[in-house]
Amino acid sequence: MLLGALIKYGKCYFLIAGYNTMSKEEKEKYNIAALATLFKNVMFGMALLIIIGYFASKWFHNANLENIFLFISILTGIPYLLITSNSKKYKK
């Protein structure tokens, strides 16, 4: 959640891999505000899944649920973020 908030509200765009190394002309080709919103939403969603997994593991007294929800959040969140952020939707 902290990473998503830093990117969106703290304008810490250097946390986005590859954006920091782009030239000024390349950076102008992207809608960074929309990309930051995407990163915030995905990071918040992944954090929410992890929190749900924590409470589910406590509720059902099954420590494996925590790990399952962690892996689900990683295996769905990261590919979604990579595929969506590289789409033409965020290019000007």
PDB file of N, CA and C in Angstrom:
ATOM      1  N   MET A   1       0.834  -1.182   0.000  1.00  0.00           N
ATOM      2  CA  MET A   1       0.000   0.000   0.000  1.00  0.00           C
ATOM      3  C   MET A   1       0.879   1.247   0.000  1.00  0.00           C
ATOM      4  N   LEU A   2       1.979   1.160   0.734  1.00  0.00           N
ATOM      5  CA  LEU A   2       2.885   2.296   0.818  1.00  0.00           C
ATOM      6  C   LEU A   2       3.482   2.630  -0.549  1.00  0.00           C
ATOM      7  N   LEU A   3       3.884   1.613  -1.306  1.00  0.00           N
ATOM      8  CA  LEU A   3       4.442   1.855  -2.635  1.00  0.00           C
ATOM      9  C   LEU A   3       3.420   2.514  -3.559  1.00  0.00           C
ATOM     10  N   GLY A   4       2.211   2.042  -3.538  1.00  0.00           N
ATOM     11  CA  GLY A   4       1.165   2.624  -4.367  1.00  0.00           C
ATOM     12  C   GLY A   4       0.888   4.070  -3.999  1.00  0.00           C
ATOM     13  N   ALA A   5       0.850   4.365  -2.703  1.00  0.00           N
ATOM     14  CA  ALA A   5       0.614   5.734  -2.254  1.00  0.00           C
ATOM     15  C   ALA A   5       1.791   6.643  -2.602  1.00  0.00           C
ATOM     16  N   LEU A   6       3.013   6.129  -2.467  1.00  0.00           N
ATOM     17  CA  LEU A   6       4.189   6.941  -2.812  1.00  0.00           C
ATOM     18  C   LEU A   6       4.211   7.282  -4.299  1.00  0.00           C
ATOM     19  N   ILE A   7       3.884   6.316  -5.131  1.00  0.00           N
ATOM     20  CA  ILE A   7       3.899   6.558  -6.576  1.00  0.00           C
ATOM     21  C   ILE A   7       2.796   7.530  -6.966  1.00  0.00           C
ATOM     22  N   LYS A   8       1.597   7.331  -6.438  1.00  0.00           N
ATOM     23  CA  LYS A   8       0.461   8.163  -6.844  1.00  0.00           C
ATOM     24  C   LYS A   8       0.490   9.546  -6.193  1.00  0.00           C
ATOM     25  N   TYR A   9       0.559   9.579  -4.872  1.00  0.00           N
ATOM     26  CA  TYR A   9       0.403  10.843  -4.159  1.00  0.00           C
ATOM     27  C   TYR A   9       1.730  11.537  -3.874  1.00  0.00           C
ATOM     28  N   GLY A  10       2.799  10.752  -3.724  1.00  0.00           N
ATOM     29  CA  GLY A  10       4.105  11.338  -3.472  1.00  0.00           C
ATOM     30  C   GLY A  10       4.866  11.659  -4.738  1.00  0.00           C
ATOM     31  N   LYS A  11       4.269  11.299  -5.886  1.00  0.00           N
ATOM     32  CA  LYS A  11       4.884  11.520  -7.196  1.00  0.00           C
ATOM     33  C   LYS A  11       6.307  10.960  -7.267  1.00  0.00           C
ATOM     34  N   CYS A  12       6.502   9.808  -6.660  1.00  0.00           N
ATOM     35  CA  CYS A  12       7.797   9.113  -6.686  1.00  0.00           C
ATOM     36  C   CYS A  12       7.843   8.208  -7.915  1.00  0.00           C
ATOM     37  N   TYR A  13       7.825   8.828  -9.080  1.00  0.00           N
ATOM     38  CA  TYR A  13       7.766   8.077 -10.328  1.00  0.00           C
ATOM     39  C   TYR A  13       9.044   7.289 -10.586  1.00  0.00           C
ATOM     40  N   PHE A  14      10.120   7.637  -9.900  1.00  0.00           N
ATOM     41  CA  PHE A  14      11.367   6.892 -10.072  1.00  0.00           C
ATOM     42  C   PHE A  14      11.236   5.461  -9.557  1.00  0.00           C
ATOM     43  N   LEU A  15      10.189   5.165  -8.800  1.00  0.00           N
ATOM     44  CA  LEU A  15       9.956   3.806  -8.321  1.00  0.00           C
ATOM     45  C   LEU A  15       9.406   2.895  -9.424  1.00  0.00           C
ATOM     46  N   ILE A  16       8.948   3.480 -10.510  1.00  0.00           N
ATOM     47  CA  ILE A  16       8.459   2.697 -11.648  1.00  0.00           C
ATOM     48  C   ILE A  16       9.673   2.275 -12.462  1.00  0.00           C
ATOM     49  N   ALA A  17       9.853   0.982 -12.603  1.00  0.00           N
ATOM     50  CA  ALA A  17      11.035   0.453 -13.286  1.00  0.00           C
ATOM     51  C   ALA A  17      11.093   0.948 -14.727  1.00  0.00           C
ATOM     52  N   GLY A  18      12.238   1.468 -15.117  1.00  0.00           N
ATOM     53  CA  GLY A  18      12.459   1.918 -16.470  1.00  0.00           C
ATOM     54  C   GLY A  18      12.093   3.363 -16.723  1.00  0.00           C
ATOM     55  N   TYR A  19      11.179   3.914 -15.938  1.00  0.00           N
ATOM     56  CA  TYR A  19      10.753   5.295 -16.173  1.00  0.00           C
ATOM     57  C   TYR A  19      11.877   6.279 -15.867  1.00  0.00           C
ATOM     58  N   ASN A  20      12.644   5.986 -14.844  1.00  0.00           N
ATOM     59  CA  ASN A  20      13.726   6.867 -14.429  1.00  0.00           C
ATOM     60  C   ASN A  20      14.838   6.953 -15.474  1.00  0.00           C
ATOM     61  N   THR A  21      15.022   5.890 -16.247  1.00  0.00           N
ATOM     62  CA  THR A  21      16.117   5.853 -17.220  1.00  0.00           C
ATOM     63  C   THR A  21      15.708   6.380 -18.597  1.00  0.00           C
ATOM     64  N   MET A  22      14.440   6.714 -18.775  1.00  0.00           N
ATOM     65  CA  MET A  22      13.972   7.235 -20.061  1.00  0.00           C
ATOM     66  C   MET A  22      14.450   8.666 -20.269  1.00  0.00           C
ATOM     67  N   SER A  23      14.604   9.011 -21.537  1.00  0.00           N
ATOM     68  CA  SER A  23      14.932  10.401 -21.855  1.00  0.00           C
ATOM     69  C   SER A  23      13.681  11.257 -21.661  1.00  0.00           C
ATOM     70  N   LYS A  24      13.889  12.552 -21.626  1.00  0.00           N
ATOM     71  CA  LYS A  24      12.760  13.462 -21.428  1.00  0.00           C
ATOM     72  C   LYS A  24      11.720  13.315 -22.550  1.00  0.00           C
ATOM     73  N   GLU A  25      12.195  13.091 -23.774  1.00  0.00           N
ATOM     74  CA  GLU A  25      11.279  12.919 -24.905  1.00  0.00           C
ATOM     75  C   GLU A  25      10.443  11.645 -24.760  1.00  0.00           C
ATOM     76  N   GLU A  26      11.083  10.574 -24.289  1.00  0.00           N
ATOM     77  CA  GLU A  26      10.352   9.317 -24.093  1.00  0.00           C
ATOM     78  C   GLU A  26       9.341   9.447 -22.960  1.00  0.00           C
ATOM     79  N   LYS A  27       9.717  10.157 -21.884  1.00  0.00           N
ATOM     80  CA  LYS A  27       8.803  10.337 -20.757  1.00  0.00           C
ATOM     81  C   LYS A  27       7.552  11.099 -21.168  1.00  0.00           C
ATOM     82  N   GLU A  28       7.699  12.019 -22.114  1.00  0.00           N
ATOM     83  CA  GLU A  28       6.559  12.814 -22.556  1.00  0.00           C
ATOM     84  C   GLU A  28       5.560  11.993 -23.365  1.00  0.00           C
ATOM     85  N   LYS A  29       5.952  10.820 -23.820  1.00  0.00           N
ATOM     86  CA  LYS A  29       5.065   9.957 -24.593  1.00  0.00           C
ATOM     87  C   LYS A  29       4.067   9.207 -23.712  1.00  0.00           C
ATOM     88  N   TYR A  30       4.284   9.211 -22.386  1.00  0.00           N
ATOM     89  CA  TYR A  30       3.445   8.443 -21.465  1.00  0.00           C
ATOM     90  C   TYR A  30       2.592   9.356 -20.600  1.00  0.00           C
ATOM     91  N   ASN A  31       1.402   8.896 -20.284  1.00  0.00           N
ATOM     92  CA  ASN A  31       0.525   9.587 -19.348  1.00  0.00           C
ATOM     93  C   ASN A  31       0.870   9.078 -17.953  1.00  0.00           C
ATOM     94  N   ILE A  32       1.804   9.752 -17.311  1.00  0.00           N
ATOM     95  CA  ILE A  32       2.334   9.268 -16.035  1.00  0.00           C
ATOM     96  C   ILE A  32       1.294   9.323 -14.925  1.00  0.00           C
ATOM     97  N   ALA A  33       0.367  10.272 -14.974  1.00  0.00           N
ATOM     98  CA  ALA A  33      -0.677  10.343 -13.944  1.00  0.00           C
ATOM     99  C   ALA A  33      -1.572   9.103 -14.005  1.00  0.00           C
ATOM    100  N   ALA A  34      -1.917   8.677 -15.208  1.00  0.00           N
ATOM    101  CA  ALA A  34      -2.747   7.476 -15.356  1.00  0.00           C
ATOM    102  C   ALA A  34      -1.964   6.225 -14.958  1.00  0.00           C
ATOM    103  N   LEU A  35      -0.684   6.185 -15.298  1.00  0.00           N
ATOM    104  CA  LEU A  35       0.154   5.052 -14.891  1.00  0.00           C
ATOM    105  C   LEU A  35       0.277   4.982 -13.377  1.00  0.00           C
ATOM    106  N   ALA A  36       0.436   6.135 -12.734  1.00  0.00           N
ATOM    107  CA  ALA A  36       0.539   6.173 -11.278  1.00  0.00           C
ATOM    108  C   ALA A  36      -0.750   5.676 -10.633  1.00  0.00           C
ATOM    109  N   THR A  37      -1.883   6.033 -11.215  1.00  0.00           N
ATOM    110  CA  THR A  37      -3.171   5.550 -10.705  1.00  0.00           C
ATOM    111  C   THR A  37      -3.276   4.039 -10.852  1.00  0.00           C
ATOM    112  N   LEU A  38      -2.825   3.518 -11.983  1.00  0.00           N
ATOM    113  CA  LEU A  38      -2.823   2.066 -12.196  1.00  0.00           C
ATOM    114  C   LEU A  38      -1.962   1.379 -11.136  1.00  0.00           C
ATOM    115  N   PHE A  39      -0.761   1.886 -10.919  1.00  0.00           N
ATOM    116  CA  PHE A  39       0.123   1.291  -9.929  1.00  0.00           C
ATOM    117  C   PHE A  39      -0.504   1.333  -8.545  1.00  0.00           C
ATOM    118  N   LYS A  40      -1.120   2.452  -8.183  1.00  0.00           N
ATOM    119  CA  LYS A  40      -1.770   2.571  -6.872  1.00  0.00           C
ATOM    120  C   LYS A  40      -2.875   1.538  -6.731  1.00  0.00           C
ATOM    121  N   ASN A  41      -3.727   1.427  -7.742  1.00  0.00           N
ATOM    122  CA  ASN A  41      -4.853   0.490  -7.662  1.00  0.00           C
ATOM    123  C   ASN A  41      -4.389  -0.954  -7.558  1.00  0.00           C
ATOM    124  N   VAL A  42      -3.381  -1.323  -8.337  1.00  0.00           N
ATOM    125  CA  VAL A  42      -2.883  -2.698  -8.301  1.00  0.00           C
ATOM    126  C   VAL A  42      -2.207  -2.984  -6.960  1.00  0.00           C
ATOM    127  N   MET A  43      -1.407  -2.056  -6.476  1.00  0.00           N
ATOM    128  CA  MET A  43      -0.729  -2.263  -5.190  1.00  0.00           C
ATOM    129  C   MET A  43      -1.740  -2.356  -4.047  1.00  0.00           C
ATOM    130  N   PHE A  44      -2.769  -1.514  -4.077  1.00  0.00           N
ATOM    131  CA  PHE A  44      -3.796  -1.583  -3.046  1.00  0.00           C
ATOM    132  C   PHE A  44      -4.560  -2.907  -3.130  1.00  0.00           C
ATOM    133  N   GLY A  45      -4.852  -3.361  -4.351  1.00  0.00           N
ATOM    134  CA  GLY A  45      -5.544  -4.639  -4.522  1.00  0.00           C
ATOM    135  C   GLY A  45      -4.721  -5.805  -4.002  1.00  0.00           C
ATOM    136  N   MET A  46      -3.422  -5.788  -4.302  1.00  0.00           N
ATOM    137  CA  MET A  46      -2.550  -6.860  -3.817  1.00  0.00           C
ATOM    138  C   MET A  46      -2.475  -6.839  -2.290  1.00  0.00           C
ATOM    139  N   ALA A  47      -2.377  -5.646  -1.714  1.00  0.00           N
ATOM    140  CA  ALA A  47      -2.327  -5.531  -0.250  1.00  0.00           C
ATOM    141  C   ALA A  47      -3.629  -6.015   0.369  1.00  0.00           C
ATOM    142  N   LEU A  48      -4.740  -5.701  -0.276  1.00  0.00           N
ATOM    143  CA  LEU A  48      -6.042  -6.150   0.238  1.00  0.00           C
ATOM    144  C   LEU A  48      -6.135  -7.672   0.238  1.00  0.00           C
ATOM    145  N   LEU A  49      -5.655  -8.307  -0.830  1.00  0.00           N
ATOM    146  CA  LEU A  49      -5.655  -9.778  -0.873  1.00  0.00           C
ATOM    147  C   LEU A  49      -4.793 -10.369   0.245  1.00  0.00           C
ATOM    148  N   ILE A  50      -3.657  -9.761   0.503  1.00  0.00           N
ATOM    149  CA  ILE A  50      -2.773 -10.256   1.561  1.00  0.00           C
ATOM    150  C   ILE A  50      -3.433 -10.088   2.924  1.00  0.00           C
ATOM    151  N   ILE A  51      -4.106  -8.958   3.137  1.00  0.00           N
ATOM    152  CA  ILE A  51      -4.803  -8.725   4.409  1.00  0.00           C
ATOM    153  C   ILE A  51      -5.951  -9.713   4.581  1.00  0.00           C
ATOM    154  N   ILE A  52      -6.698  -9.961   3.510  1.00  0.00           N
ATOM    155  CA  ILE A  52      -7.783 -10.955   3.568  1.00  0.00           C
ATOM    156  C   ILE A  52      -7.215 -12.326   3.901  1.00  0.00           C
ATOM    157  N   GLY A  53      -6.079 -12.670   3.300  1.00  0.00           N
ATOM    158  CA  GLY A  53      -5.438 -13.945   3.595  1.00  0.00           C
ATOM    159  C   GLY A  53      -5.021 -14.072   5.045  1.00  0.00           C
ATOM    160  N   TYR A  54      -4.530 -12.966   5.615  1.00  0.00           N
ATOM    161  CA  TYR A  54      -4.134 -12.987   7.033  1.00  0.00           C
ATOM    162  C   TYR A  54      -5.339 -13.281   7.916  1.00  0.00           C
ATOM    163  N   PHE A  55      -6.434 -12.542   7.689  1.00  0.00           N
ATOM    164  CA  PHE A  55      -7.617 -12.746   8.522  1.00  0.00           C
ATOM    165  C   PHE A  55      -8.276 -14.100   8.261  1.00  0.00           C
ATOM    166  N   ALA A  56      -8.238 -14.575   7.030  1.00  0.00           N
ATOM    167  CA  ALA A  56      -8.793 -15.897   6.722  1.00  0.00           C
ATOM    168  C   ALA A  56      -7.986 -16.984   7.433  1.00  0.00           C
ATOM    169  N   SER A  57      -6.675 -16.827   7.486  1.00  0.00           N
ATOM    170  CA  SER A  57      -5.851 -17.837   8.169  1.00  0.00           C
ATOM    171  C   SER A  57      -6.133 -17.843   9.667  1.00  0.00           C
ATOM    172  N   LYS A  58      -6.403 -16.676  10.237  1.00  0.00           N
ATOM    173  CA  LYS A  58      -6.742 -16.621  11.664  1.00  0.00           C
ATOM    174  C   LYS A  58      -8.136 -17.190  11.903  1.00  0.00           C
ATOM    175  N   TRP A  59      -9.070 -16.885  11.025  1.00  0.00           N
ATOM    176  CA  TRP A  59     -10.454 -17.328  11.180  1.00  0.00           C
ATOM    177  C   TRP A  59     -10.569 -18.845  11.074  1.00  0.00           C
ATOM    178  N   PHE A  60      -9.888 -19.430  10.075  1.00  0.00           N
ATOM    179  CA  PHE A  60      -9.977 -20.870   9.843  1.00  0.00           C
ATOM    180  C   PHE A  60      -8.853 -21.653  10.521  1.00  0.00           C
ATOM    181  N   HIS A  61      -7.992 -20.973  11.260  1.00  0.00           N
ATOM    182  CA  HIS A  61      -6.865 -21.607  11.975  1.00  0.00           C
ATOM    183  C   HIS A  61      -6.021 -22.456  11.021  1.00  0.00           C
ATOM    184  N   ASN A  62      -5.715 -21.850   9.863  1.00  0.00           N
ATOM    185  CA  ASN A  62      -4.928 -22.533   8.852  1.00  0.00           C
ATOM    186  C   ASN A  62      -3.863 -21.560   8.347  1.00  0.00           C
ATOM    187  N   ALA A  63      -2.630 -21.747   8.773  1.00  0.00           N
ATOM    188  CA  ALA A  63      -1.545 -20.829   8.414  1.00  0.00           C
ATOM    189  C   ALA A  63      -1.225 -20.864   6.921  1.00  0.00           C
ATOM    190  N   ASN A  64      -1.567 -21.932   6.243  1.00  0.00           N
ATOM    191  CA  ASN A  64      -1.294 -22.026   4.806  1.00  0.00           C
ATOM    192  C   ASN A  64      -2.111 -21.031   3.979  1.00  0.00           C
ATOM    193  N   LEU A  65      -3.251 -20.613   4.488  1.00  0.00           N
ATOM    194  CA  LEU A  65      -4.083 -19.657   3.754  1.00  0.00           C
ATOM    195  C   LEU A  65      -3.352 -18.337   3.539  1.00  0.00           C
ATOM    196  N   GLU A  66      -2.553 -17.931   4.502  1.00  0.00           N
ATOM    197  CA  GLU A  66      -1.771 -16.706   4.357  1.00  0.00           C
ATOM    198  C   GLU A  66      -0.864 -16.784   3.131  1.00  0.00           C
ATOM    199  N   ASN A  67      -0.156 -17.893   3.020  1.00  0.00           N
ATOM    200  CA  ASN A  67       0.760 -18.082   1.893  1.00  0.00           C
ATOM    201  C   ASN A  67       0.015 -18.194   0.571  1.00  0.00           C
ATOM    202  N   ILE A  68      -1.123 -18.873   0.586  1.00  0.00           N
ATOM    203  CA  ILE A  68      -1.911 -19.025  -0.631  1.00  0.00           C
ATOM    204  C   ILE A  68      -2.366 -17.662  -1.146  1.00  0.00           C
ATOM    205  N   PHE A  69      -2.875 -16.824  -0.261  1.00  0.00           N
ATOM    206  CA  PHE A  69      -3.329 -15.500  -0.669  1.00  0.00           C
ATOM    207  C   PHE A  69      -2.159 -14.623  -1.110  1.00  0.00           C
ATOM    208  N   LEU A  70      -1.007 -14.775  -0.482  1.00  0.00           N
ATOM    209  CA  LEU A  70       0.181 -14.029  -0.892  1.00  0.00           C
ATOM    210  C   LEU A  70       0.563 -14.398  -2.319  1.00  0.00           C
ATOM    211  N   PHE A  71       0.622 -15.689  -2.606  1.00  0.00           N
ATOM    212  CA  PHE A  71       0.995 -16.133  -3.946  1.00  0.00           C
ATOM    213  C   PHE A  71      -0.059 -15.765  -4.986  1.00  0.00           C
ATOM    214  N   ILE A  72      -1.327 -15.815  -4.607  1.00  0.00           N
ATOM    215  CA  ILE A  72      -2.389 -15.401  -5.529  1.00  0.00           C
ATOM    216  C   ILE A  72      -2.243 -13.924  -5.872  1.00  0.00           C
ATOM    217  N   SER A  73      -1.955 -13.103  -4.857  1.00  0.00           N
ATOM    218  CA  SER A  73      -1.817 -11.669  -5.121  1.00  0.00           C
ATOM    219  C   SER A  73      -0.617 -11.390  -6.014  1.00  0.00           C
ATOM    220  N   ILE A  74       0.476 -12.115  -5.822  1.00  0.00           N
ATOM    221  CA  ILE A  74       1.668 -11.917  -6.646  1.00  0.00           C
ATOM    222  C   ILE A  74       1.439 -12.441  -8.062  1.00  0.00           C
ATOM    223  N   LEU A  75       0.874 -13.638  -8.164  1.00  0.00           N
ATOM    224  CA  LEU A  75       0.694 -14.262  -9.481  1.00  0.00           C
ATOM    225  C   LEU A  75      -0.378 -13.603 -10.335  1.00  0.00           C
ATOM    226  N   THR A  76      -1.269 -12.842  -9.729  1.00  0.00           N
ATOM    227  CA  THR A  76      -2.259 -12.117 -10.518  1.00  0.00           C
ATOM    228  C   THR A  76      -1.908 -10.638 -10.647  1.00  0.00           C
ATOM    229  N   GLY A  77      -1.405 -10.047  -9.588  1.00  0.00           N
ATOM    230  CA  GLY A  77      -1.142  -8.611  -9.583  1.00  0.00           C
ATOM    231  C   GLY A  77       0.004  -8.184 -10.476  1.00  0.00           C
ATOM    232  N   ILE A  78       1.116  -8.868 -10.390  1.00  0.00           N
ATOM    233  CA  ILE A  78       2.295  -8.462 -11.160  1.00  0.00           C
ATOM    234  C   ILE A  78       2.085  -8.649 -12.667  1.00  0.00           C
ATOM    235  N   PRO A  79       1.605  -9.803 -13.141  1.00  0.00           N
ATOM    236  CA  PRO A  79       1.351  -9.901 -14.589  1.00  0.00           C
ATOM    237  C   PRO A  79       0.324  -8.878 -15.085  1.00  0.00           C
ATOM    238  N   TYR A  80      -0.730  -8.665 -14.301  1.00  0.00           N
ATOM    239  CA  TYR A  80      -1.734  -7.667 -14.695  1.00  0.00           C
ATOM    240  C   TYR A  80      -1.094  -6.288 -14.806  1.00  0.00           C
ATOM    241  N   LEU A  81      -0.267  -5.937 -13.835  1.00  0.00           N
ATOM    242  CA  LEU A  81       0.402  -4.636 -13.835  1.00  0.00           C
ATOM    243  C   LEU A  81       1.333  -4.495 -15.034  1.00  0.00           C
ATOM    244  N   LEU A  82       2.110  -5.520 -15.309  1.00  0.00           N
ATOM    245  CA  LEU A  82       3.050  -5.468 -16.424  1.00  0.00           C
ATOM    246  C   LEU A  82       2.341  -5.389 -17.774  1.00  0.00           C
ATOM    247  N   ILE A  83       1.333  -6.207 -17.963  1.00  0.00           N
ATOM    248  CA  ILE A  83       0.622  -6.231 -19.241  1.00  0.00           C
ATOM    249  C   ILE A  83      -0.145  -4.928 -19.453  1.00  0.00           C
ATOM    250  N   THR A  84      -0.849  -4.478 -18.439  1.00  0.00           N
ATOM    251  CA  THR A  84      -1.665  -3.277 -18.575  1.00  0.00           C
ATOM    252  C   THR A  84      -0.817  -2.022 -18.710  1.00  0.00           C
ATOM    253  N   SER A  85       0.237  -1.909 -17.933  1.00  0.00           N
ATOM    254  CA  SER A  85       1.058  -0.700 -17.992  1.00  0.00           C
ATOM    255  C   SER A  85       1.816  -0.574 -19.312  1.00  0.00           C
ATOM    256  N   ASN A  86       2.066  -1.687 -19.983  1.00  0.00           N
ATOM    257  CA  ASN A  86       2.751  -1.651 -21.264  1.00  0.00           C
ATOM    258  C   ASN A  86       1.797  -1.557 -22.458  1.00  0.00           C
ATOM    259  N   SER A  87       0.501  -1.441 -22.174  1.00  0.00           N
ATOM    260  CA  SER A  87      -0.456  -1.329 -23.275  1.00  0.00           C
ATOM    261  C   SER A  87      -0.430   0.092 -23.845  1.00  0.00           C
ATOM    262  N   LYS A  88      -1.071   0.249 -24.978  1.00  0.00           N
ATOM    263  CA  LYS A  88      -1.109   1.554 -25.644  1.00  0.00           C
ATOM    264  C   LYS A  88      -2.029   2.534 -24.936  1.00  0.00           C
ATOM    265  N   LYS A  89      -2.771   2.050 -23.973  1.00  0.00           N
ATOM    266  CA  LYS A  89      -3.723   2.893 -23.246  1.00  0.00           C
ATOM    267  C   LYS A  89      -3.018   4.033 -22.505  1.00  0.00           C
ATOM    268  N   TYR A  90      -1.796   3.819 -22.086  1.00  0.00           N
ATOM    269  CA  TYR A  90      -1.093   4.823 -21.277  1.00  0.00           C
ATOM    270  C   TYR A  90      -0.082   5.634 -22.068  1.00  0.00           C
ATOM    271  N   LYS A  91      -0.091   5.464 -23.387  1.00  0.00           N
ATOM    272  CA  LYS A  91       0.767   6.291 -24.242  1.00  0.00           C
ATOM    273  C   LYS A  91      -0.070   7.440 -24.789  1.00  0.00           C
ATOM    274  N   LYS A  92       0.561   8.577 -24.928  1.00  0.00           N
ATOM    275  CA  LYS A  92      -0.147   9.750 -25.443  1.00  0.00           C
ATOM    276  C   LYS A  92      -0.209   9.700 -26.948  1.00  0.00           C
TER     277      LYS A  92
END
